[in-house]
Amino acid sequence: MSNPTTGTDRPDAQALQEWVSDACRGLGLDLPDPENDFFESGGTSLTAIRLISRAEEVFGEDALPPEDLFAHSTVREIAAAIDRNTRS
C-alpha cells in the first residue's frame, strides 16, 4: 500500500498498521505484527526520523511527532498516533 489516504474514506486501523509495517520494511526493519516494536526490531534515532518524515509526506505535518513514536513504538501504537494526529 503506497498511500492509504487516497479516496474519500479515512484509512482504518488495519490499513494504517499495514502502512506502518510497509514503511518500516522500506527502512530495513521487519515488523509484520501489530505488536512488533520499532526500536526492539532495530529502529534507531535515524530510522525514527526517516519514518516520521515518511508519515508527514503521506499524512501531513505532525502526523507522527517524535514524542509519540518514542513513547508508543509498536506498529499498532504508531498507527493509532497517526490516526489521532490526522483527524480533521
PDB file of N, CA and C in Angstrom:
ATOM      1  N   MET A   1       0.845  -1.171   0.000  1.00  0.00           N
ATOM      2  CA  MET A   1       0.000   0.000   0.000  1.00  0.00           C
ATOM      3  C   MET A   1       0.890   1.233   0.000  1.00  0.00           C
ATOM      4  N   SER A   2       0.799   2.057  -1.031  1.00  0.00           N
ATOM      5  CA  SER A   2       1.678   3.205  -1.114  1.00  0.00           C
ATOM      6  C   SER A   2       1.086   4.446  -0.475  1.00  0.00           C
ATOM      7  N   ASN A   3      -0.224   4.594  -0.508  1.00  0.00           N
ATOM      8  CA  ASN A   3      -0.834   5.779   0.069  1.00  0.00           C
ATOM      9  C   ASN A   3      -2.244   5.459   0.532  1.00  0.00           C
ATOM     10  N   PRO A   4      -2.431   5.173   1.823  1.00  0.00           N
ATOM     11  CA  PRO A   4      -3.756   4.801   2.313  1.00  0.00           C
ATOM     12  C   PRO A   4      -4.714   5.976   2.423  1.00  0.00           C
ATOM     13  N   THR A   5      -4.250   7.186   2.123  1.00  0.00           N
ATOM     14  CA  THR A   5      -5.131   8.337   2.256  1.00  0.00           C
ATOM     15  C   THR A   5      -5.856   8.679   0.970  1.00  0.00           C
ATOM     16  N   THR A   6      -5.620   7.938  -0.101  1.00  0.00           N
ATOM     17  CA  THR A   6      -6.318   8.226  -1.339  1.00  0.00           C
ATOM     18  C   THR A   6      -7.776   7.816  -1.217  1.00  0.00           C
ATOM     19  N   GLY A   7      -8.619   8.448  -1.964  1.00  0.00           N
ATOM     20  CA  GLY A   7     -10.048   8.149  -1.882  1.00  0.00           C
ATOM     21  C   GLY A   7     -10.717   9.035  -0.843  1.00  0.00           C
ATOM     22  N   THR A   8     -12.004   8.804  -0.638  1.00  0.00           N
ATOM     23  CA  THR A   8     -12.757   9.674   0.254  1.00  0.00           C
ATOM     24  C   THR A   8     -12.810   9.156   1.680  1.00  0.00           C
ATOM     25  N   ASP A   9     -12.545   7.880   1.893  1.00  0.00           N
ATOM     26  CA  ASP A   9     -12.616   7.305   3.232  1.00  0.00           C
ATOM     27  C   ASP A   9     -11.289   7.439   3.954  1.00  0.00           C
ATOM     28  N   ARG A  10     -11.390   7.632   5.274  1.00  0.00           N
ATOM     29  CA  ARG A  10     -10.182   7.611   6.105  1.00  0.00           C
ATOM     30  C   ARG A  10      -9.687   6.173   6.172  1.00  0.00           C
ATOM     31  N   PRO A  11      -8.384   5.983   6.205  1.00  0.00           N
ATOM     32  CA  PRO A  11      -7.879   4.621   6.343  1.00  0.00           C
ATOM     33  C   PRO A  11      -8.260   4.056   7.713  1.00  0.00           C
ATOM     34  N   ASP A  12      -8.600   2.781   7.733  1.00  0.00           N
ATOM     35  CA  ASP A  12      -8.940   2.164   9.012  1.00  0.00           C
ATOM     36  C   ASP A  12      -7.666   1.747   9.734  1.00  0.00           C
ATOM     37  N   ALA A  13      -7.831   1.222  10.944  1.00  0.00           N
ATOM     38  CA  ALA A  13      -6.684   0.847  11.769  1.00  0.00           C
ATOM     39  C   ALA A  13      -5.801  -0.165  11.056  1.00  0.00           C
ATOM     40  N   GLN A  14      -6.413  -1.142  10.405  1.00  0.00           N
ATOM     41  CA  GLN A  14      -5.634  -2.167   9.701  1.00  0.00           C
ATOM     42  C   GLN A  14      -4.822  -1.557   8.567  1.00  0.00           C
ATOM     43  N   ALA A  15      -5.425  -0.665   7.795  1.00  0.00           N
ATOM     44  CA  ALA A  15      -4.705  -0.026   6.690  1.00  0.00           C
ATOM     45  C   ALA A  15      -3.535   0.799   7.212  1.00  0.00           C
ATOM     46  N   LEU A  16      -3.735   1.503   8.313  1.00  0.00           N
ATOM     47  CA  LEU A  16      -2.646   2.286   8.894  1.00  0.00           C
ATOM     48  C   LEU A  16      -1.534   1.376   9.414  1.00  0.00           C
ATOM     49  N   GLN A  17      -1.906   0.276  10.037  1.00  0.00           N
ATOM     50  CA  GLN A  17      -0.896  -0.663  10.527  1.00  0.00           C
ATOM     51  C   GLN A  17      -0.101  -1.250   9.365  1.00  0.00           C
ATOM     52  N   GLU A  18      -0.785  -1.566   8.268  1.00  0.00           N
ATOM     53  CA  GLU A  18      -0.096  -2.075   7.084  1.00  0.00           C
ATOM     54  C   GLU A  18       0.852  -1.018   6.519  1.00  0.00           C
ATOM     55  N   TRP A  19       0.411   0.242   6.531  1.00  0.00           N
ATOM     56  CA  TRP A  19       1.282   1.316   6.046  1.00  0.00           C
ATOM     57  C   TRP A  19       2.531   1.406   6.919  1.00  0.00           C
ATOM     58  N   VAL A  20       2.356   1.364   8.241  1.00  0.00           N
ATOM     59  CA  VAL A  20       3.500   1.436   9.150  1.00  0.00           C
ATOM     60  C   VAL A  20       4.451   0.271   8.889  1.00  0.00           C
ATOM     61  N   SER A  21       3.917  -0.938   8.775  1.00  0.00           N
ATOM     62  CA  SER A  21       4.761  -2.110   8.504  1.00  0.00           C
ATOM     63  C   SER A  21       5.510  -1.956   7.189  1.00  0.00           C
ATOM     64  N   ASP A  22       4.816  -1.492   6.149  1.00  0.00           N
ATOM     65  CA  ASP A  22       5.441  -1.303   4.836  1.00  0.00           C
ATOM     66  C   ASP A  22       6.521  -0.219   4.890  1.00  0.00           C
ATOM     67  N   ALA A  23       6.224   0.877   5.571  1.00  0.00           N
ATOM     68  CA  ALA A  23       7.198   1.972   5.689  1.00  0.00           C
ATOM     69  C   ALA A  23       8.433   1.493   6.441  1.00  0.00           C
ATOM     70  N   CYS A  24       8.228   0.726   7.489  1.00  0.00           N
ATOM     71  CA  CYS A  24       9.364   0.185   8.249  1.00  0.00           C
ATOM     72  C   CYS A  24      10.169  -0.785   7.401  1.00  0.00           C
ATOM     73  N   ARG A  25       9.490  -1.604   6.625  1.00  0.00           N
ATOM     74  CA  ARG A  25      10.184  -2.539   5.727  1.00  0.00           C
ATOM     75  C   ARG A  25      11.070  -1.756   4.755  1.00  0.00           C
ATOM     76  N   GLY A  26      10.558  -0.638   4.275  1.00  0.00           N
ATOM     77  CA  GLY A  26      11.341   0.210   3.379  1.00  0.00           C
ATOM     78  C   GLY A  26      12.562   0.817   4.053  1.00  0.00           C
ATOM     79  N   LEU A  27      12.541   0.847   5.378  1.00  0.00           N
ATOM     80  CA  LEU A  27      13.682   1.350   6.146  1.00  0.00           C
ATOM     81  C   LEU A  27      14.598   0.219   6.613  1.00  0.00           C
ATOM     82  N   GLY A  28      14.294  -1.003   6.182  1.00  0.00           N
ATOM     83  CA  GLY A  28      15.127  -2.138   6.533  1.00  0.00           C
ATOM     84  C   GLY A  28      14.732  -2.855   7.808  1.00  0.00           C
ATOM     85  N   LEU A  29      13.530  -2.577   8.315  1.00  0.00           N
ATOM     86  CA  LEU A  29      13.048  -3.211   9.545  1.00  0.00           C
ATOM     87  C   LEU A  29      11.875  -4.113   9.217  1.00  0.00           C
ATOM     88  N   ASP A  30      11.851  -5.296   9.805  1.00  0.00           N
ATOM     89  CA  ASP A  30      10.752  -6.224   9.580  1.00  0.00           C
ATOM     90  C   ASP A  30       9.836  -6.206  10.791  1.00  0.00           C
ATOM     91  N   LEU A  31       8.650  -5.606  10.633  1.00  0.00           N
ATOM     92  CA  LEU A  31       7.655  -5.520  11.701  1.00  0.00           C
ATOM     93  C   LEU A  31       6.308  -5.987  11.164  1.00  0.00           C
ATOM     94  N   PRO A  32       6.127  -7.294  10.936  1.00  0.00           N
ATOM     95  CA  PRO A  32       4.903  -7.792  10.318  1.00  0.00           C
ATOM     96  C   PRO A  32       3.702  -7.851  11.263  1.00  0.00           C
ATOM     97  N   ASP A  33       3.938  -7.837  12.552  1.00  0.00           N
ATOM     98  CA  ASP A  33       2.867  -7.990  13.537  1.00  0.00           C
ATOM     99  C   ASP A  33       2.562  -6.649  14.196  1.00  0.00           C
ATOM    100  N   PRO A  34       1.286  -6.354  14.475  1.00  0.00           N
ATOM    101  CA  PRO A  34       0.930  -5.074  15.108  1.00  0.00           C
ATOM    102  C   PRO A  34       1.590  -4.846  16.460  1.00  0.00           C
ATOM    103  N   GLU A  35       2.025  -5.919  17.116  1.00  0.00           N
ATOM    104  CA  GLU A  35       2.663  -5.771  18.432  1.00  0.00           C
ATOM    105  C   GLU A  35       4.183  -5.680  18.343  1.00  0.00           C
ATOM    106  N   ASN A  36       4.748  -5.757  17.133  1.00  0.00           N
ATOM    107  CA  ASN A  36       6.190  -5.586  16.986  1.00  0.00           C
ATOM    108  C   ASN A  36       6.568  -4.161  17.349  1.00  0.00           C
ATOM    109  N   ASP A  37       7.680  -4.027  18.053  1.00  0.00           N
ATOM    110  CA  ASP A  37       8.154  -2.717  18.498  1.00  0.00           C
ATOM    111  C   ASP A  37       9.236  -2.196  17.550  1.00  0.00           C
ATOM    112  N   PHE A  38       9.087  -0.956  17.153  1.00  0.00           N
ATOM    113  CA  PHE A  38      10.002  -0.306  16.219  1.00  0.00           C
ATOM    114  C   PHE A  38      11.444  -0.366  16.721  1.00  0.00           C
ATOM    115  N   PHE A  39      11.668  -0.008  17.968  1.00  0.00           N
ATOM    116  CA  PHE A  39      13.031   0.053  18.489  1.00  0.00           C
ATOM    117  C   PHE A  39      13.583  -1.327  18.823  1.00  0.00           C
ATOM    118  N   GLU A  40      12.751  -2.207  19.329  1.00  0.00           N
ATOM    119  CA  GLU A  40      13.211  -3.567  19.622  1.00  0.00           C
ATOM    120  C   GLU A  40      13.538  -4.332  18.339  1.00  0.00           C
ATOM    121  N   SER A  41      12.978  -3.889  17.217  1.00  0.00           N
ATOM    122  CA  SER A  41      13.231  -4.542  15.928  1.00  0.00           C
ATOM    123  C   SER A  41      14.411  -3.919  15.194  1.00  0.00           C
ATOM    124  N   GLY A  42      15.137  -3.044  15.864  1.00  0.00           N
ATOM    125  CA  GLY A  42      16.338  -2.472  15.265  1.00  0.00           C
ATOM    126  C   GLY A  42      16.230  -1.012  14.883  1.00  0.00           C
ATOM    127  N   GLY A  43      15.093  -0.371  15.154  1.00  0.00           N
ATOM    128  CA  GLY A  43      14.947   1.041  14.846  1.00  0.00           C
ATOM    129  C   GLY A  43      15.901   1.890  15.667  1.00  0.00           C
ATOM    130  N   THR A  44      16.454   2.910  15.048  1.00  0.00           N
ATOM    131  CA  THR A  44      17.374   3.838  15.703  1.00  0.00           C
ATOM    132  C   THR A  44      16.795   5.242  15.609  1.00  0.00           C
ATOM    133  N   SER A  45      17.486   6.195  16.191  1.00  0.00           N
ATOM    134  CA  SER A  45      17.012   7.577  16.083  1.00  0.00           C
ATOM    135  C   SER A  45      16.992   8.022  14.620  1.00  0.00           C
ATOM    136  N   LEU A  46      17.937   7.552  13.822  1.00  0.00           N
ATOM    137  CA  LEU A  46      17.967   7.916  12.398  1.00  0.00           C
ATOM    138  C   LEU A  46      16.784   7.310  11.642  1.00  0.00           C
ATOM    139  N   THR A  47      16.498   6.031  11.872  1.00  0.00           N
ATOM    140  CA  THR A  47      15.350   5.434  11.187  1.00  0.00           C
ATOM    141  C   THR A  47      14.048   6.022  11.717  1.00  0.00           C
ATOM    142  N   ALA A  48      14.021   6.444  12.974  1.00  0.00           N
ATOM    143  CA  ALA A  48      12.831   7.102  13.524  1.00  0.00           C
ATOM    144  C   ALA A  48      12.560   8.401  12.769  1.00  0.00           C
ATOM    145  N   ILE A  49      13.598   9.176  12.529  1.00  0.00           N
ATOM    146  CA  ILE A  49      13.435  10.435  11.792  1.00  0.00           C
ATOM    147  C   ILE A  49      12.949  10.151  10.374  1.00  0.00           C
ATOM    148  N   ARG A  50      13.464   9.107   9.779  1.00  0.00           N
ATOM    149  CA  ARG A  50      13.023   8.752   8.422  1.00  0.00           C
ATOM    150  C   ARG A  50      11.559   8.309   8.402  1.00  0.00           C
ATOM    151  N   LEU A  51      11.142   7.539   9.420  1.00  0.00           N
ATOM    152  CA  LEU A  51       9.734   7.134   9.496  1.00  0.00           C
ATOM    153  C   LEU A  51       8.834   8.340   9.709  1.00  0.00           C
ATOM    154  N   ILE A  52       9.238   9.236  10.583  1.00  0.00           N
ATOM    155  CA  ILE A  52       8.463  10.459  10.834  1.00  0.00           C
ATOM    156  C   ILE A  52       8.329  11.259   9.545  1.00  0.00           C
ATOM    157  N   SER A  53       9.410  11.381   8.802  1.00  0.00           N
ATOM    158  CA  SER A  53       9.392  12.118   7.537  1.00  0.00           C
ATOM    159  C   SER A  53       8.447  11.470   6.532  1.00  0.00           C
ATOM    160  N   ARG A  54       8.488  10.144   6.428  1.00  0.00           N
ATOM    161  CA  ARG A  54       7.578   9.442   5.506  1.00  0.00           C
ATOM    162  C   ARG A  54       6.127   9.641   5.919  1.00  0.00           C
ATOM    163  N   ALA A  55       5.862   9.579   7.214  1.00  0.00           N
ATOM    164  CA  ALA A  55       4.490   9.791   7.694  1.00  0.00           C
ATOM    165  C   ALA A  55       4.017  11.197   7.345  1.00  0.00           C
ATOM    166  N   GLU A  56       4.882  12.181   7.484  1.00  0.00           N
ATOM    167  CA  GLU A  56       4.499  13.554   7.143  1.00  0.00           C
ATOM    168  C   GLU A  56       4.278  13.720   5.651  1.00  0.00           C
ATOM    169  N   GLU A  57       5.065  13.045   4.823  1.00  0.00           N
ATOM    170  CA  GLU A  57       4.880  13.113   3.370  1.00  0.00           C
ATOM    171  C   GLU A  57       3.518  12.566   2.961  1.00  0.00           C
ATOM    172  N   VAL A  58       3.088  11.491   3.623  1.00  0.00           N
ATOM    173  CA  VAL A  58       1.840  10.825   3.242  1.00  0.00           C
ATOM    174  C   VAL A  58       0.636  11.423   3.946  1.00  0.00           C
ATOM    175  N   PHE A  59       0.762  11.702   5.241  1.00  0.00           N
ATOM    176  CA  PHE A  59      -0.400  12.082   6.048  1.00  0.00           C
ATOM    177  C   PHE A  59      -0.447  13.550   6.442  1.00  0.00           C
ATOM    178  N   GLY A  60       0.630  14.288   6.231  1.00  0.00           N
ATOM    179  CA  GLY A  60       0.650  15.701   6.559  1.00  0.00           C
ATOM    180  C   GLY A  60       1.525  16.002   7.772  1.00  0.00           C
ATOM    181  N   GLU A  61       1.778  17.282   7.933  1.00  0.00           N
ATOM    182  CA  GLU A  61       2.644  17.753   9.011  1.00  0.00           C
ATOM    183  C   GLU A  61       2.140  17.305  10.380  1.00  0.00           C
ATOM    184  N   ASP A  62       3.065  16.929  11.223  1.00  0.00           N
ATOM    185  CA  ASP A  62       2.787  16.494  12.600  1.00  0.00           C
ATOM    186  C   ASP A  62       1.955  15.216  12.685  1.00  0.00           C
ATOM    187  N   ALA A  63       1.961  14.418  11.622  1.00  0.00           N
ATOM    188  CA  ALA A  63       1.229  13.147  11.658  1.00  0.00           C
ATOM    189  C   ALA A  63       1.827  12.201  12.688  1.00  0.00           C
ATOM    190  N   LEU A  64       3.146  12.263  12.844  1.00  0.00           N
ATOM    191  CA  LEU A  64       3.820  11.384  13.796  1.00  0.00           C
ATOM    192  C   LEU A  64       4.917  12.183  14.508  1.00  0.00           C
ATOM    193  N   PRO A  65       4.539  12.919  15.553  1.00  0.00           N
ATOM    194  CA  PRO A  65       5.548  13.671  16.309  1.00  0.00           C
ATOM    195  C   PRO A  65       6.546  12.722  16.978  1.00  0.00           C
ATOM    196  N   PRO A  66       7.800  13.141  17.100  1.00  0.00           N
ATOM    197  CA  PRO A  66       8.813  12.277  17.715  1.00  0.00           C
ATOM    198  C   PRO A  66       8.413  11.760  19.091  1.00  0.00           C
ATOM    199  N   GLU A  67       7.807  12.602  19.901  1.00  0.00           N
ATOM    200  CA  GLU A  67       7.429  12.166  21.255  1.00  0.00           C
ATOM    201  C   GLU A  67       6.412  11.022  21.215  1.00  0.00           C
ATOM    202  N   ASP A  68       5.539  10.999  20.215  1.00  0.00           N
ATOM    203  CA  ASP A  68       4.589   9.894  20.074  1.00  0.00           C
ATOM    204  C   ASP A  68       5.318   8.602  19.720  1.00  0.00           C
ATOM    205  N   LEU A  69       6.242   8.690  18.775  1.00  0.00           N
ATOM    206  CA  LEU A  69       6.965   7.497  18.345  1.00  0.00           C
ATOM    207  C   LEU A  69       7.834   6.942  19.478  1.00  0.00           C
ATOM    208  N   PHE A  70       8.514   7.805  20.200  1.00  0.00           N
ATOM    209  CA  PHE A  70       9.400   7.328  21.252  1.00  0.00           C
ATOM    210  C   PHE A  70       8.620   6.790  22.453  1.00  0.00           C
ATOM    211  N   ALA A  71       7.439   7.312  22.711  1.00  0.00           N
ATOM    212  CA  ALA A  71       6.640   6.853  23.857  1.00  0.00           C
ATOM    213  C   ALA A  71       5.812   5.620  23.541  1.00  0.00           C
ATOM    214  N   HIS A  72       5.388   5.479  22.291  1.00  0.00           N
ATOM    215  CA  HIS A  72       4.487   4.388  21.894  1.00  0.00           C
ATOM    216  C   HIS A  72       4.988   3.840  20.566  1.00  0.00           C
ATOM    217  N   SER A  73       5.779   2.770  20.622  1.00  0.00           N
ATOM    218  CA  SER A  73       6.519   2.394  19.420  1.00  0.00           C
ATOM    219  C   SER A  73       6.181   1.036  18.811  1.00  0.00           C
ATOM    220  N   THR A  74       5.031   0.440  19.185  1.00  0.00           N
ATOM    221  CA  THR A  74       4.616  -0.754  18.442  1.00  0.00           C
ATOM    222  C   THR A  74       3.927  -0.302  17.162  1.00  0.00           C
ATOM    223  N   VAL A  75       3.818  -1.200  16.213  1.00  0.00           N
ATOM    224  CA  VAL A  75       3.139  -0.881  14.955  1.00  0.00           C
ATOM    225  C   VAL A  75       1.726  -0.369  15.241  1.00  0.00           C
ATOM    226  N   ARG A  76       1.014  -1.056  16.128  1.00  0.00           N
ATOM    227  CA  ARG A  76      -0.358  -0.655  16.473  1.00  0.00           C
ATOM    228  C   ARG A  76      -0.390   0.760  17.065  1.00  0.00           C
ATOM    229  N   GLU A  77       0.548   1.050  17.964  1.00  0.00           N
ATOM    230  CA  GLU A  77       0.575   2.366  18.610  1.00  0.00           C
ATOM    231  C   GLU A  77       0.985   3.470  17.642  1.00  0.00           C
ATOM    232  N   ILE A  78       1.913   3.178  16.758  1.00  0.00           N
ATOM    233  CA  ILE A  78       2.318   4.173  15.753  1.00  0.00           C
ATOM    234  C   ILE A  78       1.142   4.496  14.839  1.00  0.00           C
ATOM    235  N   ALA A  79       0.435   3.461  14.392  1.00  0.00           N
ATOM    236  CA  ALA A  79      -0.739   3.674  13.545  1.00  0.00           C
ATOM    237  C   ALA A  79      -1.804   4.484  14.278  1.00  0.00           C
ATOM    238  N   ALA A  80      -2.022   4.178  15.556  1.00  0.00           N
ATOM    239  CA  ALA A  80      -3.019   4.918  16.343  1.00  0.00           C
ATOM    240  C   ALA A  80      -2.605   6.378  16.498  1.00  0.00           C
ATOM    241  N   ALA A  81      -1.317   6.636  16.669  1.00  0.00           N
ATOM    242  CA  ALA A  81      -0.839   8.018  16.786  1.00  0.00           C
ATOM    243  C   ALA A  81      -1.084   8.777  15.487  1.00  0.00           C
ATOM    244  N   ILE A  82      -0.796   8.146  14.354  1.00  0.00           N
ATOM    245  CA  ILE A  82      -1.035   8.803  13.058  1.00  0.00           C
ATOM    246  C   ILE A  82      -2.531   9.096  12.912  1.00  0.00           C
ATOM    247  N   ASP A  83      -3.359   8.144  13.253  1.00  0.00           N
ATOM    248  CA  ASP A  83      -4.806   8.345  13.171  1.00  0.00           C
ATOM    249  C   ASP A  83      -5.246   9.513  14.050  1.00  0.00           C
ATOM    250  N   ARG A  84      -4.794   9.513  15.274  1.00  0.00           N
ATOM    251  CA  ARG A  84      -5.157  10.551  16.237  1.00  0.00           C
ATOM    252  C   ARG A  84      -4.684  11.942  15.783  1.00  0.00           C
ATOM    253  N   ASN A  85      -3.495  11.995  15.229  1.00  0.00           N
ATOM    254  CA  ASN A  85      -2.901  13.288  14.864  1.00  0.00           C
ATOM    255  C   ASN A  85      -3.353  13.818  13.513  1.00  0.00           C
ATOM    256  N   THR A  86      -4.086  13.020  12.755  1.00  0.00           N
ATOM    257  CA  THR A  86      -4.517  13.479  11.434  1.00  0.00           C
ATOM    258  C   THR A  86      -6.028  13.638  11.314  1.00  0.00           C
ATOM    259  N   ARG A  87      -6.720  13.509  12.413  1.00  0.00           N
ATOM    260  CA  ARG A  87      -8.177  13.716  12.354  1.00  0.00           C
ATOM    261  C   ARG A  87      -8.456  15.180  12.071  1.00  0.00           C
ATOM    262  N   SER A  88      -9.394  15.406  11.186  1.00  0.00           N
ATOM    263  CA  SER A  88      -9.749  16.795  10.821  1.00  0.00           C
ATOM    264  C   SER A  88     -10.942  17.266  11.617  1.00  0.00           C
TER     265      SER A  88
END
